């Protein structure tokens, strides 16, 4: 059986998909297939995918019979042939040893899934200066409701049988559907471990799905409902951390001068200790939210990109 099936939802990704696929082809572990699920792209994405598939038979191109990334991931999992599923967005980049490190972790039959460390970049991965942290111990619902160390679907791989038991992603959700699925995954008893190795480079952008902050809150509310079914409710600290994240998102978007400050104040009201954990991140967020009242939009976006 093939080892890894890598599922890539693709929509109008002509400017980034080539670099993403190149990072897969550069993997030191070669036993994989990439299932590129096109979502009715209107640019040159499909042509680039077909060219890549001609050059490497491990790359498969399929059309999404539904709509949206959740449908695409579910469909990709349905047609996958690998023992393990890994997900990658069409604008992110993997480090060459990612699959080899994942394969080593899955040699332990008690491990159902794994994720690693992420670097955040804008134009080129070498520009990354911000990196995620991988906490000790197995992934918990409590951690997901706070900082969520997985961060992005490009950073998770798991046994295909375990994915199937979750029922897949909720295709009615547009925001935080990954968080809601992760909560179901962990809540059902899956053991997900963190690997202390940089594996994924995440391309930050002021555009895209994550720009709708109200919809993100609504999606989080759905995820909280799912967590409640497993007897877990978010703490004041986790609420504070999430609103700090939204404040930083608002600073990157730069549309409403007061939006970042409103989220920062809300986070502080939930838990000052949570908001300032770590202190530097909380302090910079407060400073930026206050400064946003006077700073030009371009400066705000540059400081918090």
C-alpha atoms as a PDB file:
ATOM      1  CA  UNK A   1       0.000   0.000   0.000  1.00  0.00           C
ATOM      2  CA  UNK A   2       1.127   3.539  -0.748  1.00  0.00           C
ATOM      3  CA  UNK A   3       2.339   5.333   2.381  1.00  0.00           C
ATOM      4  CA  UNK A   4       1.101   8.939   2.089  1.00  0.00           C
ATOM      5  CA  UNK A   5      -1.763  10.590   0.235  1.00  0.00           C
ATOM      6  CA  UNK A   6      -1.326  14.371   0.262  1.00  0.00           C
ATOM      7  CA  UNK A   7      -4.589  16.245  -0.291  1.00  0.00           C
ATOM      8  CA  UNK A   8      -4.351  19.750  -1.745  1.00  0.00           C
ATOM      9  CA  UNK A   9      -7.515  21.859  -2.228  1.00  0.00           C
ATOM     10  CA  UNK A  10      -6.854  24.205  -5.158  1.00  0.00           C
ATOM     11  CA  UNK A  11      -8.707  27.354  -6.133  1.00  0.00           C
ATOM     12  CA  UNK A  12      -7.149  30.081  -8.286  1.00  0.00           C
ATOM     13  CA  UNK A  13      -3.684  29.223  -7.008  1.00  0.00           C
ATOM     14  CA  UNK A  14      -1.640  29.835 -10.152  1.00  0.00           C
ATOM     15  CA  UNK A  15       0.819  32.128  -8.365  1.00  0.00           C
ATOM     16  CA  UNK A  16       1.711  29.646  -5.618  1.00  0.00           C
ATOM     17  CA  UNK A  17       0.842  26.064  -6.597  1.00  0.00           C
ATOM     18  CA  UNK A  18       4.049  25.430  -8.540  1.00  0.00           C
ATOM     19  CA  UNK A  19       6.197  26.229  -5.489  1.00  0.00           C
ATOM     20  CA  UNK A  20       3.969  24.064  -3.294  1.00  0.00           C
ATOM     21  CA  UNK A  21       4.290  21.067  -5.609  1.00  0.00           C
ATOM     22  CA  UNK A  22       8.033  21.573  -5.949  1.00  0.00           C
ATOM     23  CA  UNK A  23       8.326  21.278  -2.178  1.00  0.00           C
ATOM     24  CA  UNK A  24       6.508  17.934  -2.334  1.00  0.00           C
ATOM     25  CA  UNK A  25       8.698  16.626  -5.119  1.00  0.00           C
ATOM     26  CA  UNK A  26      11.746  17.581  -3.029  1.00  0.00           C
ATOM     27  CA  UNK A  27      10.702  15.295  -0.155  1.00  0.00           C
ATOM     28  CA  UNK A  28      13.387  12.842   0.941  1.00  0.00           C
ATOM     29  CA  UNK A  29      10.613  10.272   1.521  1.00  0.00           C
ATOM     30  CA  UNK A  30       9.320   9.418  -1.948  1.00  0.00           C
ATOM     31  CA  UNK A  31       6.394   7.028  -1.377  1.00  0.00           C
ATOM     32  CA  UNK A  32       3.486   9.460  -1.774  1.00  0.00           C
ATOM     33  CA  UNK A  33       0.755  10.689  -4.064  1.00  0.00           C
ATOM     34  CA  UNK A  34      -0.532  14.246  -4.253  1.00  0.00           C
ATOM     35  CA  UNK A  35      -4.266  14.583  -4.899  1.00  0.00           C
ATOM     36  CA  UNK A  36      -4.866  18.082  -6.222  1.00  0.00           C
ATOM     37  CA  UNK A  37      -8.585  18.800  -5.896  1.00  0.00           C
ATOM     38  CA  UNK A  38      -9.500  21.698  -8.163  1.00  0.00           C
ATOM     39  CA  UNK A  39     -12.473  23.781  -7.067  1.00  0.00           C
ATOM     40  CA  UNK A  40     -13.488  25.288 -10.444  1.00  0.00           C
ATOM     41  CA  UNK A  41     -10.480  27.574 -10.724  1.00  0.00           C
ATOM     42  CA  UNK A  42     -10.854  30.355 -13.282  1.00  0.00           C
ATOM     43  CA  UNK A  43      -7.153  31.176 -13.680  1.00  0.00           C
ATOM     44  CA  UNK A  44      -4.286  29.013 -14.908  1.00  0.00           C
ATOM     45  CA  UNK A  45      -4.276  26.638 -11.923  1.00  0.00           C
ATOM     46  CA  UNK A  46      -5.572  23.594 -13.769  1.00  0.00           C
ATOM     47  CA  UNK A  47      -3.056  23.951 -16.603  1.00  0.00           C
ATOM     48  CA  UNK A  48      -0.224  24.156 -14.068  1.00  0.00           C
ATOM     49  CA  UNK A  49      -1.544  21.096 -12.239  1.00  0.00           C
ATOM     50  CA  UNK A  50      -1.823  19.079 -15.443  1.00  0.00           C
ATOM     51  CA  UNK A  51       1.710  20.080 -16.470  1.00  0.00           C
ATOM     52  CA  UNK A  52       2.999  18.969 -13.087  1.00  0.00           C
ATOM     53  CA  UNK A  53       1.132  15.668 -13.363  1.00  0.00           C
ATOM     54  CA  UNK A  54       2.707  15.035 -16.763  1.00  0.00           C
ATOM     55  CA  UNK A  55       6.132  15.456 -15.191  1.00  0.00           C
ATOM     56  CA  UNK A  56       5.477  13.383 -12.056  1.00  0.00           C
ATOM     57  CA  UNK A  57       2.924  10.522 -12.074  1.00  0.00           C
ATOM     58  CA  UNK A  58       2.581  10.804  -8.302  1.00  0.00           C
ATOM     59  CA  UNK A  59       0.576  13.990  -8.842  1.00  0.00           C
ATOM     60  CA  UNK A  60      -3.134  13.417  -9.510  1.00  0.00           C
ATOM     61  CA  UNK A  61      -5.611  16.089 -10.604  1.00  0.00           C
ATOM     62  CA  UNK A  62      -9.300  15.689  -9.774  1.00  0.00           C
ATOM     63  CA  UNK A  63     -12.286  18.031  -9.794  1.00  0.00           C
ATOM     64  CA  UNK A  64     -14.225  18.806  -6.639  1.00  0.00           C
ATOM     65  CA  UNK A  65     -17.844  17.616  -7.034  1.00  0.00           C
ATOM     66  CA  UNK A  66     -18.835  19.905  -4.159  1.00  0.00           C
ATOM     67  CA  UNK A  67     -17.621  23.373  -3.322  1.00  0.00           C
ATOM     68  CA  UNK A  68     -15.109  24.756  -0.852  1.00  0.00           C
ATOM     69  CA  UNK A  69     -12.038  23.407   0.948  1.00  0.00           C
ATOM     70  CA  UNK A  70     -13.986  21.093   3.266  1.00  0.00           C
ATOM     71  CA  UNK A  71     -15.675  19.367   0.325  1.00  0.00           C
ATOM     72  CA  UNK A  72     -12.309  19.199  -1.433  1.00  0.00           C
ATOM     73  CA  UNK A  73     -10.541  17.587   1.523  1.00  0.00           C
ATOM     74  CA  UNK A  74     -13.357  15.097   2.054  1.00  0.00           C
ATOM     75  CA  UNK A  75     -13.357  14.140  -1.616  1.00  0.00           C
ATOM     76  CA  UNK A  76      -9.587  13.860  -1.697  1.00  0.00           C
ATOM     77  CA  UNK A  77      -9.705  11.494   1.279  1.00  0.00           C
ATOM     78  CA  UNK A  78     -12.360   9.433  -0.508  1.00  0.00           C
ATOM     79  CA  UNK A  79     -10.166   8.801  -3.557  1.00  0.00           C
ATOM     80  CA  UNK A  80      -6.886   8.514  -1.609  1.00  0.00           C
ATOM     81  CA  UNK A  81      -4.975   5.223  -1.695  1.00  0.00           C
ATOM     82  CA  UNK A  82      -2.348   5.899   0.986  1.00  0.00           C
ATOM     83  CA  UNK A  83      -2.268   4.477   4.492  1.00  0.00           C
ATOM     84  CA  UNK A  84      -1.791   7.985   5.869  1.00  0.00           C
ATOM     85  CA  UNK A  85      -3.433  11.269   4.886  1.00  0.00           C
ATOM     86  CA  UNK A  86      -1.536  14.535   4.919  1.00  0.00           C
ATOM     87  CA  UNK A  87      -3.057  17.884   4.029  1.00  0.00           C
ATOM     88  CA  UNK A  88      -1.407  20.828   2.332  1.00  0.00           C
ATOM     89  CA  UNK A  89      -2.873  24.125   1.171  1.00  0.00           C
ATOM     90  CA  UNK A  90      -2.049  25.321  -2.316  1.00  0.00           C
ATOM     91  CA  UNK A  91       0.062  28.238  -1.105  1.00  0.00           C
ATOM     92  CA  UNK A  92       2.119  26.574   1.621  1.00  0.00           C
ATOM     93  CA  UNK A  93       5.527  24.885   1.441  1.00  0.00           C
ATOM     94  CA  UNK A  94       6.899  21.766   3.107  1.00  0.00           C
ATOM     95  CA  UNK A  95      10.465  21.282   4.252  1.00  0.00           C
ATOM     96  CA  UNK A  96      12.183  18.331   2.501  1.00  0.00           C
ATOM     97  CA  UNK A  97      12.289  16.017   5.537  1.00  0.00           C
ATOM     98  CA  UNK A  98       8.653  16.456   6.616  1.00  0.00           C
ATOM     99  CA  UNK A  99       7.305  13.146   5.278  1.00  0.00           C
ATOM    100  CA  UNK A 100      10.355  11.219   6.498  1.00  0.00           C
ATOM    101  CA  UNK A 101       9.836  12.593   9.999  1.00  0.00           C
ATOM    102  CA  UNK A 102       6.138  11.769   9.883  1.00  0.00           C
ATOM    103  CA  UNK A 103       6.830   8.235   8.673  1.00  0.00           C
ATOM    104  CA  UNK A 104       9.190   7.712  11.584  1.00  0.00           C
ATOM    105  CA  UNK A 105       6.576   8.901  14.083  1.00  0.00           C
ATOM    106  CA  UNK A 106       3.912   6.591  12.603  1.00  0.00           C
ATOM    107  CA  UNK A 107       6.153   3.583  13.235  1.00  0.00           C
ATOM    108  CA  UNK A 108       4.638   3.802  16.718  1.00  0.00           C
ATOM    109  CA  UNK A 109       1.241   2.149  16.260  1.00  0.00           C
ATOM    110  CA  UNK A 110      -0.149   4.122  19.194  1.00  0.00           C
ATOM    111  CA  UNK A 111       0.283   7.372  17.252  1.00  0.00           C
ATOM    112  CA  UNK A 112      -2.815   8.300  15.223  1.00  0.00           C
ATOM    113  CA  UNK A 113      -1.626  11.653  13.911  1.00  0.00           C
ATOM    114  CA  UNK A 114       1.234  14.135  14.078  1.00  0.00           C
ATOM    115  CA  UNK A 115       2.046  17.777  13.436  1.00  0.00           C
ATOM    116  CA  UNK A 116       5.217  19.855  13.573  1.00  0.00           C
ATOM    117  CA  UNK A 117       6.467  23.416  13.810  1.00  0.00           C
ATOM    118  CA  UNK A 118       5.445  26.139  11.375  1.00  0.00           C
ATOM    119  CA  UNK A 119       7.344  29.105   9.982  1.00  0.00           C
ATOM    120  CA  UNK A 120       5.346  32.121   8.807  1.00  0.00           C
ATOM    121  CA  UNK A 121       6.446  34.012   5.700  1.00  0.00           C
ATOM    122  CA  UNK A 122       5.111  36.454   3.111  1.00  0.00           C
ATOM    123  CA  UNK A 123       7.166  36.325  -0.085  1.00  0.00           C
ATOM    124  CA  UNK A 124       9.913  33.761   0.477  1.00  0.00           C
ATOM    125  CA  UNK A 125      10.327  31.087   3.183  1.00  0.00           C
ATOM    126  CA  UNK A 126      13.805  32.404   3.965  1.00  0.00           C
ATOM    127  CA  UNK A 127      12.174  35.613   5.206  1.00  0.00           C
ATOM    128  CA  UNK A 128      10.362  33.827   8.065  1.00  0.00           C
ATOM    129  CA  UNK A 129      11.065  35.282  11.493  1.00  0.00           C
ATOM    130  CA  UNK A 130       8.028  33.966  13.397  1.00  0.00           C
ATOM    131  CA  UNK A 131       7.675  30.275  14.257  1.00  0.00           C
ATOM    132  CA  UNK A 132       5.028  28.289  16.086  1.00  0.00           C
ATOM    133  CA  UNK A 133       5.729  26.317  19.225  1.00  0.00           C
ATOM    134  CA  UNK A 134       5.073  22.608  19.745  1.00  0.00           C
ATOM    135  CA  UNK A 135       3.957  21.900  23.321  1.00  0.00           C
ATOM    136  CA  UNK A 136       4.890  18.747  25.197  1.00  0.00           C
ATOM    137  CA  UNK A 137       2.342  15.958  25.439  1.00  0.00           C
ATOM    138  CA  UNK A 138      -0.509  14.809  23.239  1.00  0.00           C
ATOM    139  CA  UNK A 139      -2.856  17.307  21.597  1.00  0.00           C
ATOM    140  CA  UNK A 140      -5.899  18.176  23.743  1.00  0.00           C
ATOM    141  CA  UNK A 141      -9.196  19.932  23.135  1.00  0.00           C
ATOM    142  CA  UNK A 142      -8.178  22.530  25.726  1.00  0.00           C
ATOM    143  CA  UNK A 143      -5.076  23.368  23.681  1.00  0.00           C
ATOM    144  CA  UNK A 144      -7.111  23.575  20.484  1.00  0.00           C
ATOM    145  CA  UNK A 145      -9.504  26.079  22.050  1.00  0.00           C
ATOM    146  CA  UNK A 146      -6.566  28.269  23.050  1.00  0.00           C
ATOM    147  CA  UNK A 147      -3.486  28.753  20.891  1.00  0.00           C
ATOM    148  CA  UNK A 148      -4.194  25.713  18.640  1.00  0.00           C
ATOM    149  CA  UNK A 149      -0.611  24.537  18.044  1.00  0.00           C
ATOM    150  CA  UNK A 150      -1.583  22.783  14.795  1.00  0.00           C
ATOM    151  CA  UNK A 151      -2.361  26.249  13.330  1.00  0.00           C
ATOM    152  CA  UNK A 152      -3.157  25.104   9.775  1.00  0.00           C
ATOM    153  CA  UNK A 153      -4.301  22.008   7.891  1.00  0.00           C
ATOM    154  CA  UNK A 154      -0.956  22.041   6.074  1.00  0.00           C
ATOM    155  CA  UNK A 155       0.545  20.895   9.376  1.00  0.00           C
ATOM    156  CA  UNK A 156      -1.396  17.700  10.148  1.00  0.00           C
ATOM    157  CA  UNK A 157      -1.136  14.086   9.012  1.00  0.00           C
ATOM    158  CA  UNK A 158      -2.996  11.054  10.323  1.00  0.00           C
ATOM    159  CA  UNK A 159      -3.942   7.470   9.618  1.00  0.00           C
ATOM    160  CA  UNK A 160      -6.606   7.270   6.928  1.00  0.00           C
ATOM    161  CA  UNK A 161      -8.751   4.923   9.025  1.00  0.00           C
ATOM    162  CA  UNK A 162      -8.743   7.465  11.855  1.00  0.00           C
ATOM    163  CA  UNK A 163      -9.860  10.233   9.480  1.00  0.00           C
ATOM    164  CA  UNK A 164     -12.695   8.073   8.206  1.00  0.00           C
ATOM    165  CA  UNK A 165     -13.953   7.527  11.745  1.00  0.00           C
ATOM    166  CA  UNK A 166     -14.334  11.293  12.209  1.00  0.00           C
ATOM    167  CA  UNK A 167     -16.781  11.515   9.307  1.00  0.00           C
ATOM    168  CA  UNK A 168     -14.660  14.170   7.621  1.00  0.00           C
ATOM    169  CA  UNK A 169     -15.012  17.935   7.664  1.00  0.00           C
ATOM    170  CA  UNK A 170     -18.294  19.767   8.174  1.00  0.00           C
ATOM    171  CA  UNK A 171     -18.837  21.130   4.674  1.00  0.00           C
ATOM    172  CA  UNK A 172     -21.390  23.670   5.932  1.00  0.00           C
ATOM    173  CA  UNK A 173     -18.609  25.574   7.694  1.00  0.00           C
ATOM    174  CA  UNK A 174     -16.348  28.065   5.924  1.00  0.00           C
ATOM    175  CA  UNK A 175     -14.292  29.335   8.877  1.00  0.00           C
ATOM    176  CA  UNK A 176     -12.740  27.257  11.659  1.00  0.00           C
ATOM    177  CA  UNK A 177     -13.921  24.046  10.029  1.00  0.00           C
ATOM    178  CA  UNK A 178     -10.435  22.690  10.666  1.00  0.00           C
ATOM    179  CA  UNK A 179     -10.674  23.529  14.369  1.00  0.00           C
ATOM    180  CA  UNK A 180     -14.086  21.879  14.661  1.00  0.00           C
ATOM    181  CA  UNK A 181     -12.761  18.747  12.926  1.00  0.00           C
ATOM    182  CA  UNK A 182      -9.654  18.629  15.119  1.00  0.00           C
ATOM    183  CA  UNK A 183     -11.849  18.796  18.214  1.00  0.00           C
ATOM    184  CA  UNK A 184     -13.902  15.853  16.951  1.00  0.00           C
ATOM    185  CA  UNK A 185     -10.710  13.994  16.100  1.00  0.00           C
ATOM    186  CA  UNK A 186      -9.178  14.409  19.557  1.00  0.00           C
ATOM    187  CA  UNK A 187     -12.515  14.063  21.338  1.00  0.00           C
ATOM    188  CA  UNK A 188     -13.036  10.647  19.744  1.00  0.00           C
ATOM    189  CA  UNK A 189      -9.820   9.440  21.326  1.00  0.00           C
ATOM    190  CA  UNK A 190      -7.221   9.939  18.568  1.00  0.00           C
ATOM    191  CA  UNK A 191      -3.700  10.384  19.863  1.00  0.00           C
ATOM    192  CA  UNK A 192      -2.104  13.322  18.048  1.00  0.00           C
ATOM    193  CA  UNK A 193       1.497  14.165  18.896  1.00  0.00           C
ATOM    194  CA  UNK A 194       3.631  17.214  18.216  1.00  0.00           C
ATOM    195  CA  UNK A 195       7.043  16.832  16.615  1.00  0.00           C
ATOM    196  CA  UNK A 196       9.683  19.413  17.658  1.00  0.00           C
ATOM    197  CA  UNK A 197      10.845  19.967  14.072  1.00  0.00           C
ATOM    198  CA  UNK A 198      10.197  22.730  11.550  1.00  0.00           C
ATOM    199  CA  UNK A 199       8.107  21.068   8.829  1.00  0.00           C
ATOM    200  CA  UNK A 200       5.754  23.584   7.228  1.00  0.00           C
ATOM    201  CA  UNK A 201       6.092  27.107   5.898  1.00  0.00           C
ATOM    202  CA  UNK A 202       2.832  29.031   6.021  1.00  0.00           C
ATOM    203  CA  UNK A 203       2.265  31.884   3.598  1.00  0.00           C
ATOM    204  CA  UNK A 204       0.612  34.792   5.412  1.00  0.00           C
ATOM    205  CA  UNK A 205      -1.724  37.067   3.510  1.00  0.00           C
ATOM    206  CA  UNK A 206      -4.077  39.927   4.279  1.00  0.00           C
ATOM    207  CA  UNK A 207      -6.558  38.341   1.897  1.00  0.00           C
ATOM    208  CA  UNK A 208      -8.254  34.967   1.836  1.00  0.00           C
ATOM    209  CA  UNK A 209     -10.792  33.235   4.005  1.00  0.00           C
ATOM    210  CA  UNK A 210      -9.270  34.324   7.301  1.00  0.00           C
ATOM    211  CA  UNK A 211     -10.096  37.987   6.703  1.00  0.00           C
ATOM    212  CA  UNK A 212     -13.747  37.703   7.824  1.00  0.00           C
ATOM    213  CA  UNK A 213     -13.351  38.100  11.573  1.00  0.00           C
ATOM    214  CA  UNK A 214     -17.086  37.921  12.358  1.00  0.00           C
ATOM    215  CA  UNK A 215     -17.358  34.648  10.439  1.00  0.00           C
ATOM    216  CA  UNK A 216     -14.297  33.354  12.264  1.00  0.00           C
ATOM    217  CA  UNK A 217     -16.031  34.013  15.583  1.00  0.00           C
ATOM    218  CA  UNK A 218     -19.162  32.243  14.351  1.00  0.00           C
ATOM    219  CA  UNK A 219     -17.066  29.273  13.277  1.00  0.00           C
ATOM    220  CA  UNK A 220     -15.363  29.203  16.659  1.00  0.00           C
ATOM    221  CA  UNK A 221     -18.774  29.166  18.322  1.00  0.00           C
ATOM    222  CA  UNK A 222     -19.600  26.032  16.322  1.00  0.00           C
ATOM    223  CA  UNK A 223     -16.304  24.489  17.408  1.00  0.00           C
ATOM    224  CA  UNK A 224     -17.073  25.332  21.037  1.00  0.00           C
ATOM    225  CA  UNK A 225     -20.423  23.548  20.691  1.00  0.00           C
ATOM    226  CA  UNK A 226     -18.586  20.477  19.444  1.00  0.00           C
ATOM    227  CA  UNK A 227     -16.143  20.649  22.364  1.00  0.00           C
ATOM    228  CA  UNK A 228     -19.075  20.820  24.780  1.00  0.00           C
ATOM    229  CA  UNK A 229     -20.285  17.453  23.488  1.00  0.00           C
ATOM    230  CA  UNK A 230     -17.055  16.012  24.879  1.00  0.00           C
ATOM    231  CA  UNK A 231     -17.500  17.789  28.204  1.00  0.00           C
ATOM    232  CA  UNK A 232     -14.919  20.505  27.478  1.00  0.00           C
ATOM    233  CA  UNK A 233     -15.656  24.219  27.670  1.00  0.00           C
ATOM    234  CA  UNK A 234     -13.200  27.010  26.847  1.00  0.00           C
ATOM    235  CA  UNK A 235     -11.496  28.709  29.754  1.00  0.00           C
ATOM    236  CA  UNK A 236     -11.271  32.459  30.216  1.00  0.00           C
ATOM    237  CA  UNK A 237      -7.626  32.144  29.221  1.00  0.00           C
ATOM    238  CA  UNK A 238      -8.452  30.442  25.923  1.00  0.00           C
ATOM    239  CA  UNK A 239     -11.004  33.172  25.112  1.00  0.00           C
ATOM    240  CA  UNK A 240      -8.337  35.792  25.838  1.00  0.00           C
ATOM    241  CA  UNK A 241      -5.821  34.083  23.563  1.00  0.00           C
ATOM    242  CA  UNK A 242      -8.345  33.838  20.736  1.00  0.00           C
ATOM    243  CA  UNK A 243      -9.321  37.518  20.927  1.00  0.00           C
ATOM    244  CA  UNK A 244      -5.640  38.425  20.976  1.00  0.00           C
ATOM    245  CA  UNK A 245      -5.303  36.452  17.742  1.00  0.00           C
ATOM    246  CA  UNK A 246      -8.285  38.306  16.236  1.00  0.00           C
ATOM    247  CA  UNK A 247      -6.794  41.625  17.292  1.00  0.00           C
ATOM    248  CA  UNK A 248      -3.587  40.772  15.444  1.00  0.00           C
ATOM    249  CA  UNK A 249      -5.610  39.682  12.401  1.00  0.00           C
ATOM    250  CA  UNK A 250      -7.435  43.010  12.490  1.00  0.00           C
ATOM    251  CA  UNK A 251      -4.113  44.850  12.571  1.00  0.00           C
ATOM    252  CA  UNK A 252      -2.984  42.973   9.472  1.00  0.00           C
ATOM    253  CA  UNK A 253      -6.223  43.743   7.642  1.00  0.00           C
ATOM    254  CA  UNK A 254      -6.177  47.381   8.632  1.00  0.00           C
ATOM    255  CA  UNK A 255      -9.762  48.121   7.559  1.00  0.00           C
ATOM    256  CA  UNK A 256     -11.277  49.355  10.833  1.00  0.00           C
ATOM    257  CA  UNK A 257      -9.021  51.353  13.135  1.00  0.00           C
ATOM    258  CA  UNK A 258     -10.930  50.421  16.288  1.00  0.00           C
ATOM    259  CA  UNK A 259     -11.511  46.713  15.545  1.00  0.00           C
ATOM    260  CA  UNK A 260      -8.141  45.527  16.850  1.00  0.00           C
ATOM    261  CA  UNK A 261      -8.556  47.527  20.054  1.00  0.00           C
ATOM    262  CA  UNK A 262     -12.049  46.106  20.630  1.00  0.00           C
ATOM    263  CA  UNK A 263     -10.743  42.547  20.348  1.00  0.00           C
ATOM    264  CA  UNK A 264      -7.748  43.335  22.541  1.00  0.00           C
ATOM    265  CA  UNK A 265      -9.951  44.825  25.273  1.00  0.00           C
ATOM    266  CA  UNK A 266     -12.321  41.859  25.046  1.00  0.00           C
ATOM    267  CA  UNK A 267      -9.395  39.481  25.472  1.00  0.00           C
ATOM    268  CA  UNK A 268      -8.100  41.418  28.472  1.00  0.00           C
ATOM    269  CA  UNK A 269     -11.528  41.359  30.079  1.00  0.00           C
ATOM    270  CA  UNK A 270     -11.647  37.586  29.745  1.00  0.00           C
ATOM    271  CA  UNK A 271      -8.214  36.989  31.272  1.00  0.00           C
ATOM    272  CA  UNK A 272      -5.301  39.439  31.594  1.00  0.00           C
ATOM    273  CA  UNK A 273      -2.997  36.521  32.440  1.00  0.00           C
ATOM    274  CA  UNK A 274      -4.073  34.643  29.329  1.00  0.00           C
ATOM    275  CA  UNK A 275      -3.762  37.705  27.103  1.00  0.00           C
ATOM    276  CA  UNK A 276      -0.182  38.327  28.254  1.00  0.00           C
ATOM    277  CA  UNK A 277       0.951  34.718  27.875  1.00  0.00           C
ATOM    278  CA  UNK A 278       3.553  35.141  26.549  1.00  0.00           C
ATOM    279  CA  UNK A 279       3.976  38.701  27.757  1.00  0.00           C
ATOM    280  CA  UNK A 280       5.743  39.986  24.636  1.00  0.00           C
ATOM    281  CA  UNK A 281       2.934  38.901  22.310  1.00  0.00           C
ATOM    282  CA  UNK A 282       0.245  40.437  24.480  1.00  0.00           C
ATOM    283  CA  UNK A 283       2.182  43.653  25.011  1.00  0.00           C
ATOM    284  CA  UNK A 284       2.901  44.112  21.306  1.00  0.00           C
ATOM    285  CA  UNK A 285      -0.749  43.445  20.477  1.00  0.00           C
ATOM    286  CA  UNK A 286      -1.968  46.086  22.933  1.00  0.00           C
ATOM    287  CA  UNK A 287       0.617  48.562  21.671  1.00  0.00           C
ATOM    288  CA  UNK A 288      -0.355  47.917  18.075  1.00  0.00           C
ATOM    289  CA  UNK A 289      -4.077  48.142  18.798  1.00  0.00           C
ATOM    290  CA  UNK A 290      -3.606  51.509  20.477  1.00  0.00           C
ATOM    291  CA  UNK A 291      -1.184  52.733  17.832  1.00  0.00           C
ATOM    292  CA  UNK A 292      -3.593  51.707  15.073  1.00  0.00           C
ATOM    293  CA  UNK A 293      -5.770  54.639  16.051  1.00  0.00           C
ATOM    294  CA  UNK A 294      -3.086  56.953  14.647  1.00  0.00           C
ATOM    295  CA  UNK A 295      -0.814  54.907  12.376  1.00  0.00           C
ATOM    296  CA  UNK A 296      -1.391  54.804   8.593  1.00  0.00           C
ATOM    297  CA  UNK A 297      -2.857  51.549   7.293  1.00  0.00           C
ATOM    298  CA  UNK A 298       0.296  50.562   5.367  1.00  0.00           C
ATOM    299  CA  UNK A 299       2.407  50.908   8.520  1.00  0.00           C
ATOM    300  CA  UNK A 300      -0.040  48.817  10.575  1.00  0.00           C
ATOM    301  CA  UNK A 301      -0.029  46.022   8.009  1.00  0.00           C
ATOM    302  CA  UNK A 302       3.764  46.049   7.768  1.00  0.00           C
ATOM    303  CA  UNK A 303       4.270  45.877  11.535  1.00  0.00           C
ATOM    304  CA  UNK A 304       1.849  42.971  12.042  1.00  0.00           C
ATOM    305  CA  UNK A 305       2.262  41.023   8.826  1.00  0.00           C
END
